[in-house]
């Protein structure tokens, strides 16, 4: 009996070993997976995030500009600074990667600050800067607007051509130049006697515009090829920032050549009475310059008042 039982045990022993191996292969990896997943959950690294810092900063030209950026949970990642109008970075970690010795990263080891510092800041440094965590997620970033005030910059102004006298059929050319405080004006319009003037090739009216970002200027040139009598009047140029300048244009009909000549020279300003007096002197056979004319007129006035 004992031998029979031993025989049976011997027969079933390989099956027990196989069952044990099957259980080990099937359940142990799954159990280990549960352990690994649970471990990963407990030791997952939090995503980087930003602490609150100013998003708009203003400095005067020549000062030390500091653009603050504080990041916690940075882990093994690093911080990159760049201008939004350029894809090339300015810094990577604590290293400056552009040829500008004015730039520096303000960082203390084991601290959250990764501030961009610009020594001797200049107006051209103004713009929008981006503090970004270098990772596949490009949305982990913070924008900072830098404004640079230049106390010595030109005060915004606008200038227009001086008063003009033109003969009917001649060209009228007016120039208007405007300077902005930080940027050039966006647009400039022309008006004549309160009515807007636009380019019209059929009427011979041309308006040319150009601007310079570096000089903060906007210029506009108004040209009328063949002046008509109704082209005379008050001309106004106005920028989008409401800078306004005006001038006068007189269109002459060409009947009095001497009057036209003197008006263009600027020696004749106010009209009919002075023109008549000059004509009277010329008709009497006198040839006088503008200087002697005023002396003669003064003497005549004194003599007439004494009679």
C-alpha atoms as a PDB file:
ATOM      1  CA  UNK A   1       0.000   0.000   0.000  1.00  0.00           C
ATOM      2  CA  UNK A   2       2.743   2.372   0.923  1.00  0.00           C
ATOM      3  CA  UNK A   3       4.558   1.616  -2.283  1.00  0.00           C
ATOM      4  CA  UNK A   4       1.359   2.267  -4.266  1.00  0.00           C
ATOM      5  CA  UNK A   5       0.894   5.641  -2.638  1.00  0.00           C
ATOM      6  CA  UNK A   6       4.503   6.557  -3.294  1.00  0.00           C
ATOM      7  CA  UNK A   7       3.994   5.533  -6.903  1.00  0.00           C
ATOM      8  CA  UNK A   8       0.925   7.747  -7.186  1.00  0.00           C
ATOM      9  CA  UNK A   9       2.734  10.662  -5.557  1.00  0.00           C
ATOM     10  CA  UNK A  10       5.562  10.234  -8.013  1.00  0.00           C
ATOM     11  CA  UNK A  11       3.141  10.234 -10.875  1.00  0.00           C
ATOM     12  CA  UNK A  12       1.421  13.491  -9.793  1.00  0.00           C
ATOM     13  CA  UNK A  13       4.565  15.360  -8.691  1.00  0.00           C
ATOM     14  CA  UNK A  14       5.473  16.667 -12.164  1.00  0.00           C
ATOM     15  CA  UNK A  15       1.951  18.053 -12.501  1.00  0.00           C
ATOM     16  CA  UNK A  16       2.340  19.960  -9.225  1.00  0.00           C
ATOM     17  CA  UNK A  17       5.582  21.464 -10.388  1.00  0.00           C
ATOM     18  CA  UNK A  18       3.997  22.534 -13.675  1.00  0.00           C
ATOM     19  CA  UNK A  19       1.046  24.137 -11.889  1.00  0.00           C
ATOM     20  CA  UNK A  20       3.390  26.020  -9.631  1.00  0.00           C
ATOM     21  CA  UNK A  21       5.369  27.351 -12.588  1.00  0.00           C
ATOM     22  CA  UNK A  22       2.165  28.346 -14.381  1.00  0.00           C
ATOM     23  CA  UNK A  23       0.939  30.324 -11.393  1.00  0.00           C
ATOM     24  CA  UNK A  24       4.317  32.021 -11.075  1.00  0.00           C
ATOM     25  CA  UNK A  25       4.483  33.039 -14.725  1.00  0.00           C
ATOM     26  CA  UNK A  26       0.883  34.277 -14.801  1.00  0.00           C
ATOM     27  CA  UNK A  27       0.431  36.204 -11.557  1.00  0.00           C
ATOM     28  CA  UNK A  28       3.830  37.397 -10.422  1.00  0.00           C
ATOM     29  CA  UNK A  29       4.433  39.876 -13.342  1.00  0.00           C
ATOM     30  CA  UNK A  30       0.936  41.264 -12.902  1.00  0.00           C
ATOM     31  CA  UNK A  31       1.564  41.744  -9.221  1.00  0.00           C
ATOM     32  CA  UNK A  32       4.896  43.386  -9.941  1.00  0.00           C
ATOM     33  CA  UNK A  33       3.153  45.690 -12.420  1.00  0.00           C
ATOM     34  CA  UNK A  34       0.750  46.794  -9.721  1.00  0.00           C
ATOM     35  CA  UNK A  35       3.680  47.449  -7.424  1.00  0.00           C
ATOM     36  CA  UNK A  36       5.597  49.416 -10.112  1.00  0.00           C
ATOM     37  CA  UNK A  37       2.520  51.492 -11.065  1.00  0.00           C
ATOM     38  CA  UNK A  38       1.824  52.294  -7.449  1.00  0.00           C
ATOM     39  CA  UNK A  39       5.446  53.297  -6.956  1.00  0.00           C
ATOM     40  CA  UNK A  40       5.349  55.564 -10.016  1.00  0.00           C
ATOM     41  CA  UNK A  41       2.165  57.212  -8.766  1.00  0.00           C
ATOM     42  CA  UNK A  42       3.790  57.976  -5.427  1.00  0.00           C
ATOM     43  CA  UNK A  43       6.998  59.308  -7.001  1.00  0.00           C
ATOM     44  CA  UNK A  44       5.625  61.222 -10.025  1.00  0.00           C
ATOM     45  CA  UNK A  45       7.441  64.585 -10.557  1.00  0.00           C
ATOM     46  CA  UNK A  46       5.029  67.583 -10.442  1.00  0.00           C
ATOM     47  CA  UNK A  47       4.833  69.667 -13.625  1.00  0.00           C
ATOM     48  CA  UNK A  48       6.742  72.987 -13.627  1.00  0.00           C
ATOM     49  CA  UNK A  49       4.685  76.096 -12.956  1.00  0.00           C
ATOM     50  CA  UNK A  50       5.235  79.819 -12.542  1.00  0.00           C
ATOM     51  CA  UNK A  51       4.987  81.950  -9.444  1.00  0.00           C
ATOM     52  CA  UNK A  52       3.339  85.352  -9.809  1.00  0.00           C
ATOM     53  CA  UNK A  53       5.707  88.050 -11.093  1.00  0.00           C
ATOM     54  CA  UNK A  54       5.058  91.392 -12.881  1.00  0.00           C
ATOM     55  CA  UNK A  55       4.092  91.001 -16.537  1.00  0.00           C
ATOM     56  CA  UNK A  56       4.689  94.703 -17.401  1.00  0.00           C
ATOM     57  CA  UNK A  57       7.839  96.542 -16.365  1.00  0.00           C
ATOM     58  CA  UNK A  58       9.141 100.019 -17.226  1.00  0.00           C
ATOM     59  CA  UNK A  59      12.675 101.387 -16.944  1.00  0.00           C
ATOM     60  CA  UNK A  60      14.496 104.520 -18.051  1.00  0.00           C
ATOM     61  CA  UNK A  61      17.265 104.366 -20.606  1.00  0.00           C
ATOM     62  CA  UNK A  62      20.589 103.417 -19.007  1.00  0.00           C
ATOM     63  CA  UNK A  63      19.066 101.673 -15.978  1.00  0.00           C
ATOM     64  CA  UNK A  64      19.382  98.008 -15.026  1.00  0.00           C
ATOM     65  CA  UNK A  65      16.225  96.329 -16.324  1.00  0.00           C
ATOM     66  CA  UNK A  66      15.108  93.213 -14.431  1.00  0.00           C
ATOM     67  CA  UNK A  67      12.488  90.928 -15.964  1.00  0.00           C
ATOM     68  CA  UNK A  68      11.424  88.533 -13.242  1.00  0.00           C
ATOM     69  CA  UNK A  69      10.554  84.879 -13.740  1.00  0.00           C
ATOM     70  CA  UNK A  70      10.080  82.374 -10.902  1.00  0.00           C
ATOM     71  CA  UNK A  71       9.556  78.683 -11.641  1.00  0.00           C
ATOM     72  CA  UNK A  72       8.901  75.938  -9.118  1.00  0.00           C
ATOM     73  CA  UNK A  73       8.962  72.180  -9.710  1.00  0.00           C
ATOM     74  CA  UNK A  74      11.567  72.770 -12.415  1.00  0.00           C
ATOM     75  CA  UNK A  75      13.220  69.423 -11.759  1.00  0.00           C
ATOM     76  CA  UNK A  76      15.932  68.595 -14.291  1.00  0.00           C
ATOM     77  CA  UNK A  77      14.537  71.015 -16.881  1.00  0.00           C
ATOM     78  CA  UNK A  78      16.001  74.462 -17.536  1.00  0.00           C
ATOM     79  CA  UNK A  79      14.687  77.961 -18.248  1.00  0.00           C
ATOM     80  CA  UNK A  80      15.103  79.756 -21.602  1.00  0.00           C
ATOM     81  CA  UNK A  81      14.628  83.489 -22.241  1.00  0.00           C
ATOM     82  CA  UNK A  82      13.943  84.896 -25.712  1.00  0.00           C
ATOM     83  CA  UNK A  83      12.226  87.795 -27.453  1.00  0.00           C
ATOM     84  CA  UNK A  84       8.876  86.910 -28.969  1.00  0.00           C
ATOM     85  CA  UNK A  85       9.850  88.547 -32.267  1.00  0.00           C
ATOM     86  CA  UNK A  86      12.786  86.128 -32.617  1.00  0.00           C
ATOM     87  CA  UNK A  87      12.977  82.345 -32.484  1.00  0.00           C
ATOM     88  CA  UNK A  88      16.594  82.406 -31.285  1.00  0.00           C
ATOM     89  CA  UNK A  89      17.043  82.201 -27.491  1.00  0.00           C
ATOM     90  CA  UNK A  90      18.898  84.794 -25.447  1.00  0.00           C
ATOM     91  CA  UNK A  91      19.750  82.512 -22.534  1.00  0.00           C
ATOM     92  CA  UNK A  92      19.669  78.836 -21.619  1.00  0.00           C
ATOM     93  CA  UNK A  93      19.797  78.111 -17.926  1.00  0.00           C
ATOM     94  CA  UNK A  94      22.356  80.514 -16.486  1.00  0.00           C
ATOM     95  CA  UNK A  95      24.267  80.791 -19.767  1.00  0.00           C
ATOM     96  CA  UNK A  96      23.883  83.742 -22.169  1.00  0.00           C
ATOM     97  CA  UNK A  97      23.901  82.409 -25.742  1.00  0.00           C
ATOM     98  CA  UNK A  98      24.021  85.722 -27.652  1.00  0.00           C
ATOM     99  CA  UNK A  99      26.873  88.178 -28.082  1.00  0.00           C
ATOM    100  CA  UNK A 100      25.561  90.806 -25.674  1.00  0.00           C
ATOM    101  CA  UNK A 101      27.543  91.298 -22.482  1.00  0.00           C
ATOM    102  CA  UNK A 102      24.737  93.424 -21.023  1.00  0.00           C
ATOM    103  CA  UNK A 103      22.607  90.312 -20.467  1.00  0.00           C
ATOM    104  CA  UNK A 104      22.774  88.203 -17.335  1.00  0.00           C
ATOM    105  CA  UNK A 105      20.589  85.677 -15.515  1.00  0.00           C
ATOM    106  CA  UNK A 106      19.822  86.484 -11.896  1.00  0.00           C
ATOM    107  CA  UNK A 107      19.688  83.071 -10.227  1.00  0.00           C
ATOM    108  CA  UNK A 108      20.627  81.784  -6.784  1.00  0.00           C
ATOM    109  CA  UNK A 109      21.206  78.052  -6.424  1.00  0.00           C
ATOM    110  CA  UNK A 110      18.198  76.156  -5.034  1.00  0.00           C
ATOM    111  CA  UNK A 111      16.015  79.226  -5.590  1.00  0.00           C
ATOM    112  CA  UNK A 112      13.080  79.678  -7.962  1.00  0.00           C
ATOM    113  CA  UNK A 113      14.224  82.938  -9.580  1.00  0.00           C
ATOM    114  CA  UNK A 114      15.456  82.960 -13.184  1.00  0.00           C
ATOM    115  CA  UNK A 115      15.412  86.727 -13.803  1.00  0.00           C
ATOM    116  CA  UNK A 116      16.650  88.235 -17.056  1.00  0.00           C
ATOM    117  CA  UNK A 117      18.815  91.279 -16.303  1.00  0.00           C
ATOM    118  CA  UNK A 118      19.698  93.873 -18.981  1.00  0.00           C
ATOM    119  CA  UNK A 119      22.386  96.379 -18.024  1.00  0.00           C
ATOM    120  CA  UNK A 120      22.305  99.866 -19.588  1.00  0.00           C
ATOM    121  CA  UNK A 121      18.902  99.170 -21.130  1.00  0.00           C
ATOM    122  CA  UNK A 122      18.148 101.043 -24.366  1.00  0.00           C
ATOM    123  CA  UNK A 123      14.911 101.968 -26.206  1.00  0.00           C
ATOM    124  CA  UNK A 124      15.599  99.272 -28.810  1.00  0.00           C
ATOM    125  CA  UNK A 125      15.483  96.682 -25.995  1.00  0.00           C
ATOM    126  CA  UNK A 126      11.789  97.398 -25.496  1.00  0.00           C
ATOM    127  CA  UNK A 127       9.393  94.637 -26.469  1.00  0.00           C
ATOM    128  CA  UNK A 128       7.835  91.390 -25.281  1.00  0.00           C
ATOM    129  CA  UNK A 129      10.062  88.749 -23.730  1.00  0.00           C
ATOM    130  CA  UNK A 130       9.268  85.107 -23.020  1.00  0.00           C
ATOM    131  CA  UNK A 131      10.410  83.009 -20.062  1.00  0.00           C
ATOM    132  CA  UNK A 132       9.929  79.393 -21.096  1.00  0.00           C
ATOM    133  CA  UNK A 133      10.615  76.012 -19.533  1.00  0.00           C
ATOM    134  CA  UNK A 134      12.542  73.926 -22.078  1.00  0.00           C
ATOM    135  CA  UNK A 135      10.288  70.917 -22.686  1.00  0.00           C
ATOM    136  CA  UNK A 136       8.072  69.335 -25.309  1.00  0.00           C
ATOM    137  CA  UNK A 137       5.155  71.302 -23.869  1.00  0.00           C
ATOM    138  CA  UNK A 138       5.667  74.740 -25.432  1.00  0.00           C
ATOM    139  CA  UNK A 139       2.801  76.215 -23.402  1.00  0.00           C
ATOM    140  CA  UNK A 140       4.871  76.339 -20.191  1.00  0.00           C
ATOM    141  CA  UNK A 141       5.920  79.940 -20.623  1.00  0.00           C
ATOM    142  CA  UNK A 142       5.357  83.440 -19.269  1.00  0.00           C
ATOM    143  CA  UNK A 143       5.389  86.752 -21.184  1.00  0.00           C
ATOM    144  CA  UNK A 144       6.862  90.012 -19.868  1.00  0.00           C
ATOM    145  CA  UNK A 145       6.388  93.405 -21.580  1.00  0.00           C
ATOM    146  CA  UNK A 146       9.410  95.720 -21.296  1.00  0.00           C
ATOM    147  CA  UNK A 147       8.991  99.469 -21.848  1.00  0.00           C
ATOM    148  CA  UNK A 148      12.032 101.761 -22.001  1.00  0.00           C
ATOM    149  CA  UNK A 149      11.566 105.508 -21.473  1.00  0.00           C
ATOM    150  CA  UNK A 150      14.085 107.796 -23.114  1.00  0.00           C
ATOM    151  CA  UNK A 151      14.085 111.207 -21.364  1.00  0.00           C
ATOM    152  CA  UNK A 152      16.240 112.681 -24.123  1.00  0.00           C
ATOM    153  CA  UNK A 153      14.052 111.446 -26.964  1.00  0.00           C
ATOM    154  CA  UNK A 154      12.516 113.985 -29.287  1.00  0.00           C
ATOM    155  CA  UNK A 155       9.138 115.252 -28.202  1.00  0.00           C
ATOM    156  CA  UNK A 156       6.406 114.081 -30.575  1.00  0.00           C
ATOM    157  CA  UNK A 157       5.904 116.741 -33.220  1.00  0.00           C
ATOM    158  CA  UNK A 158       4.481 117.357 -36.661  1.00  0.00           C
ATOM    159  CA  UNK A 159       5.629 119.760 -39.373  1.00  0.00           C
ATOM    160  CA  UNK A 160       4.120 120.798 -42.690  1.00  0.00           C
ATOM    161  CA  UNK A 161       5.305 122.835 -45.663  1.00  0.00           C
ATOM    162  CA  UNK A 162       5.128 126.618 -45.425  1.00  0.00           C
ATOM    163  CA  UNK A 163       2.446 128.747 -47.037  1.00  0.00           C
ATOM    164  CA  UNK A 164       2.596 128.518 -50.825  1.00  0.00           C
ATOM    165  CA  UNK A 165       1.656 130.692 -53.807  1.00  0.00           C
ATOM    166  CA  UNK A 166       1.349 128.835 -57.094  1.00  0.00           C
ATOM    167  CA  UNK A 167       0.181 129.797 -60.545  1.00  0.00           C
ATOM    168  CA  UNK A 168      -2.890 128.099 -61.932  1.00  0.00           C
ATOM    169  CA  UNK A 169      -1.735 125.015 -63.863  1.00  0.00           C
ATOM    170  CA  UNK A 170       1.447 124.624 -61.818  1.00  0.00           C
ATOM    171  CA  UNK A 171       2.076 121.788 -59.346  1.00  0.00           C
ATOM    172  CA  UNK A 172       1.228 121.927 -55.658  1.00  0.00           C
ATOM    173  CA  UNK A 173       3.610 119.911 -53.493  1.00  0.00           C
ATOM    174  CA  UNK A 174       3.123 119.651 -49.727  1.00  0.00           C
ATOM    175  CA  UNK A 175       5.195 117.633 -47.268  1.00  0.00           C
ATOM    176  CA  UNK A 176       4.149 116.595 -43.759  1.00  0.00           C
ATOM    177  CA  UNK A 177       6.475 114.891 -41.256  1.00  0.00           C
ATOM    178  CA  UNK A 178       5.398 113.506 -37.876  1.00  0.00           C
ATOM    179  CA  UNK A 179       7.441 111.972 -35.054  1.00  0.00           C
ATOM    180  CA  UNK A 180       5.931 109.582 -32.494  1.00  0.00           C
ATOM    181  CA  UNK A 181       6.928 109.235 -28.843  1.00  0.00           C
ATOM    182  CA  UNK A 182       7.952 105.574 -28.963  1.00  0.00           C
ATOM    183  CA  UNK A 183       6.761 104.426 -32.385  1.00  0.00           C
ATOM    184  CA  UNK A 184       5.874 106.191 -35.638  1.00  0.00           C
ATOM    185  CA  UNK A 185       2.201 107.097 -36.145  1.00  0.00           C
ATOM    186  CA  UNK A 186       0.159 104.359 -37.785  1.00  0.00           C
ATOM    187  CA  UNK A 187      -1.410 106.562 -40.447  1.00  0.00           C
ATOM    188  CA  UNK A 188      -1.666 110.113 -41.800  1.00  0.00           C
ATOM    189  CA  UNK A 189      -4.539 111.824 -43.664  1.00  0.00           C
ATOM    190  CA  UNK A 190      -4.829 115.024 -45.695  1.00  0.00           C
ATOM    191  CA  UNK A 191      -7.698 117.533 -45.677  1.00  0.00           C
ATOM    192  CA  UNK A 192      -8.442 120.632 -47.800  1.00  0.00           C
ATOM    193  CA  UNK A 193     -10.887 123.136 -46.351  1.00  0.00           C
ATOM    194  CA  UNK A 194     -12.216 120.403 -44.062  1.00  0.00           C
ATOM    195  CA  UNK A 195     -12.686 117.803 -46.826  1.00  0.00           C
ATOM    196  CA  UNK A 196     -10.561 114.641 -46.901  1.00  0.00           C
ATOM    197  CA  UNK A 197      -8.138 114.420 -49.827  1.00  0.00           C
ATOM    198  CA  UNK A 198      -7.322 111.013 -51.314  1.00  0.00           C
ATOM    199  CA  UNK A 199      -5.141 109.914 -54.187  1.00  0.00           C
ATOM    200  CA  UNK A 200      -6.949 110.323 -57.499  1.00  0.00           C
ATOM    201  CA  UNK A 201      -4.958 109.663 -60.637  1.00  0.00           C
ATOM    202  CA  UNK A 202      -7.733 111.080 -62.811  1.00  0.00           C
ATOM    203  CA  UNK A 203      -7.521 114.410 -60.997  1.00  0.00           C
ATOM    204  CA  UNK A 204      -3.734 114.361 -60.811  1.00  0.00           C
ATOM    205  CA  UNK A 205      -3.671 113.955 -57.010  1.00  0.00           C
ATOM    206  CA  UNK A 206      -0.954 111.700 -55.614  1.00  0.00           C
ATOM    207  CA  UNK A 207      -0.236 110.898 -51.969  1.00  0.00           C
ATOM    208  CA  UNK A 208       2.961 109.047 -51.089  1.00  0.00           C
ATOM    209  CA  UNK A 209       3.665 107.736 -47.584  1.00  0.00           C
ATOM    210  CA  UNK A 210       6.685 106.269 -45.842  1.00  0.00           C
ATOM    211  CA  UNK A 211       7.719 105.583 -42.262  1.00  0.00           C
ATOM    212  CA  UNK A 212      10.799 104.663 -40.243  1.00  0.00           C
ATOM    213  CA  UNK A 213      10.492 102.540 -37.112  1.00  0.00           C
ATOM    214  CA  UNK A 214      14.029 103.306 -35.937  1.00  0.00           C
ATOM    215  CA  UNK A 215      13.503 107.083 -36.280  1.00  0.00           C
ATOM    216  CA  UNK A 216       9.834 106.928 -35.183  1.00  0.00           C
ATOM    217  CA  UNK A 217       8.840 109.107 -38.149  1.00  0.00           C
ATOM    218  CA  UNK A 218       5.953 109.070 -40.620  1.00  0.00           C
ATOM    219  CA  UNK A 219       6.130 111.206 -43.763  1.00  0.00           C
ATOM    220  CA  UNK A 220       3.486 111.972 -46.364  1.00  0.00           C
ATOM    221  CA  UNK A 221       3.820 113.851 -49.631  1.00  0.00           C
ATOM    222  CA  UNK A 222       0.765 115.415 -51.309  1.00  0.00           C
ATOM    223  CA  UNK A 223       1.145 116.409 -54.955  1.00  0.00           C
ATOM    224  CA  UNK A 224      -1.422 117.999 -57.269  1.00  0.00           C
ATOM    225  CA  UNK A 225      -0.064 118.019 -60.826  1.00  0.00           C
ATOM    226  CA  UNK A 226      -2.095 120.906 -62.306  1.00  0.00           C
ATOM    227  CA  UNK A 227      -3.496 123.344 -59.769  1.00  0.00           C
ATOM    228  CA  UNK A 228      -6.982 124.749 -60.317  1.00  0.00           C
ATOM    229  CA  UNK A 229      -8.406 127.802 -58.616  1.00  0.00           C
ATOM    230  CA  UNK A 230     -10.497 125.691 -56.248  1.00  0.00           C
ATOM    231  CA  UNK A 231      -7.353 123.809 -55.137  1.00  0.00           C
ATOM    232  CA  UNK A 232      -6.443 126.803 -53.019  1.00  0.00           C
ATOM    233  CA  UNK A 233      -7.305 126.882 -49.343  1.00  0.00           C
ATOM    234  CA  UNK A 234      -6.223 125.516 -45.984  1.00  0.00           C
ATOM    235  CA  UNK A 235      -4.505 122.138 -46.054  1.00  0.00           C
ATOM    236  CA  UNK A 236      -4.296 119.996 -42.915  1.00  0.00           C
ATOM    237  CA  UNK A 237      -2.329 116.828 -42.251  1.00  0.00           C
ATOM    238  CA  UNK A 238      -3.468 114.695 -39.317  1.00  0.00           C
ATOM    239  CA  UNK A 239      -1.916 111.555 -37.856  1.00  0.00           C
ATOM    240  CA  UNK A 240      -3.718 108.606 -36.277  1.00  0.00           C
ATOM    241  CA  UNK A 241      -2.471 109.870 -32.892  1.00  0.00           C
ATOM    242  CA  UNK A 242      -4.248 113.207 -33.568  1.00  0.00           C
ATOM    243  CA  UNK A 243      -1.174 115.301 -34.318  1.00  0.00           C
ATOM    244  CA  UNK A 244      -2.308 118.144 -36.574  1.00  0.00           C
ATOM    245  CA  UNK A 245      -0.527 120.734 -38.717  1.00  0.00           C
ATOM    246  CA  UNK A 246      -1.911 123.144 -41.315  1.00  0.00           C
ATOM    247  CA  UNK A 247      -0.777 125.478 -44.062  1.00  0.00           C
ATOM    248  CA  UNK A 248      -2.301 127.652 -46.767  1.00  0.00           C
ATOM    249  CA  UNK A 249      -2.067 127.354 -50.541  1.00  0.00           C
ATOM    250  CA  UNK A 250      -2.941 130.315 -52.810  1.00  0.00           C
ATOM    251  CA  UNK A 251      -3.651 129.580 -56.456  1.00  0.00           C
ATOM    252  CA  UNK A 252      -3.112 132.701 -58.598  1.00  0.00           C
ATOM    253  CA  UNK A 253      -4.869 133.314 -61.899  1.00  0.00           C
ATOM    254  CA  UNK A 254      -1.815 134.799 -63.636  1.00  0.00           C
ATOM    255  CA  UNK A 255      -3.361 138.166 -64.559  1.00  0.00           C
ATOM    256  CA  UNK A 256      -0.782 140.175 -62.661  1.00  0.00           C
ATOM    257  CA  UNK A 257       2.687 138.738 -63.326  1.00  0.00           C
ATOM    258  CA  UNK A 258       4.435 141.181 -60.981  1.00  0.00           C
ATOM    259  CA  UNK A 259       2.091 140.262 -58.146  1.00  0.00           C
ATOM    260  CA  UNK A 260       2.615 136.565 -58.780  1.00  0.00           C
ATOM    261  CA  UNK A 261       6.395 136.983 -58.822  1.00  0.00           C
ATOM    262  CA  UNK A 262       6.507 138.987 -55.598  1.00  0.00           C
ATOM    263  CA  UNK A 263       4.137 136.658 -53.807  1.00  0.00           C
ATOM    264  CA  UNK A 264       6.271 133.659 -54.719  1.00  0.00           C
ATOM    265  CA  UNK A 265       9.387 135.480 -53.491  1.00  0.00           C
ATOM    266  CA  UNK A 266       7.598 136.211 -50.217  1.00  0.00           C
ATOM    267  CA  UNK A 267       8.010 139.964 -50.591  1.00  0.00           C
ATOM    268  CA  UNK A 268       4.276 140.465 -51.005  1.00  0.00           C
ATOM    269  CA  UNK A 269       2.072 139.155 -48.259  1.00  0.00           C
ATOM    270  CA  UNK A 270      -1.140 141.142 -47.981  1.00  0.00           C
ATOM    271  CA  UNK A 271      -2.611 141.928 -51.081  1.00  0.00           C
ATOM    272  CA  UNK A 272      -4.616 144.384 -52.999  1.00  0.00           C
ATOM    273  CA  UNK A 273      -3.706 147.661 -51.279  1.00  0.00           C
ATOM    274  CA  UNK A 274       0.032 146.975 -51.338  1.00  0.00           C
ATOM    275  CA  UNK A 275      -0.179 145.750 -54.920  1.00  0.00           C
ATOM    276  CA  UNK A 276      -1.961 148.890 -56.011  1.00  0.00           C
ATOM    277  CA  UNK A 277       0.620 151.100 -54.287  1.00  0.00           C
ATOM    278  CA  UNK A 278       3.498 149.312 -56.040  1.00  0.00           C
ATOM    279  CA  UNK A 279       1.692 149.559 -59.369  1.00  0.00           C
ATOM    280  CA  UNK A 280       1.156 153.284 -58.843  1.00  0.00           C
ATOM    281  CA  UNK A 281       4.843 153.860 -58.158  1.00  0.00           C
ATOM    282  CA  UNK A 282       5.871 151.840 -61.216  1.00  0.00           C
ATOM    283  CA  UNK A 283       3.407 153.705 -63.407  1.00  0.00           C
ATOM    284  CA  UNK A 284       4.915 156.983 -62.242  1.00  0.00           C
ATOM    285  CA  UNK A 285       8.285 155.866 -63.560  1.00  0.00           C
ATOM    286  CA  UNK A 286       9.855 154.888 -60.278  1.00  0.00           C
ATOM    287  CA  UNK A 287      11.956 151.762 -59.949  1.00  0.00           C
ATOM    288  CA  UNK A 288      12.202 150.872 -56.287  1.00  0.00           C
ATOM    289  CA  UNK A 289      13.287 147.878 -54.295  1.00  0.00           C
ATOM    290  CA  UNK A 290      11.217 146.520 -51.435  1.00  0.00           C
ATOM    291  CA  UNK A 291      13.500 148.262 -48.906  1.00  0.00           C
ATOM    292  CA  UNK A 292      13.213 151.704 -50.484  1.00  0.00           C
ATOM    293  CA  UNK A 293       9.496 151.175 -50.989  1.00  0.00           C
ATOM    294  CA  UNK A 294       8.820 151.090 -47.233  1.00  0.00           C
ATOM    295  CA  UNK A 295      10.939 154.232 -46.686  1.00  0.00           C
ATOM    296  CA  UNK A 296       9.126 156.074 -49.484  1.00  0.00           C
ATOM    297  CA  UNK A 297       5.706 154.965 -48.262  1.00  0.00           C
ATOM    298  CA  UNK A 298       6.494 156.198 -44.742  1.00  0.00           C
ATOM    299  CA  UNK A 299       7.581 159.600 -46.056  1.00  0.00           C
ATOM    300  CA  UNK A 300       4.459 159.943 -48.232  1.00  0.00           C
ATOM    301  CA  UNK A 301       2.193 159.070 -45.323  1.00  0.00           C
ATOM    302  CA  UNK A 302       3.901 161.685 -43.096  1.00  0.00           C
ATOM    303  CA  UNK A 303       3.683 164.347 -45.830  1.00  0.00           C
ATOM    304  CA  UNK A 304      -0.022 163.714 -46.486  1.00  0.00           C
ATOM    305  CA  UNK A 305      -0.872 163.884 -42.789  1.00  0.00           C
ATOM    306  CA  UNK A 306       0.817 167.278 -42.447  1.00  0.00           C
ATOM    307  CA  UNK A 307      -1.246 168.920 -45.200  1.00  0.00           C
END
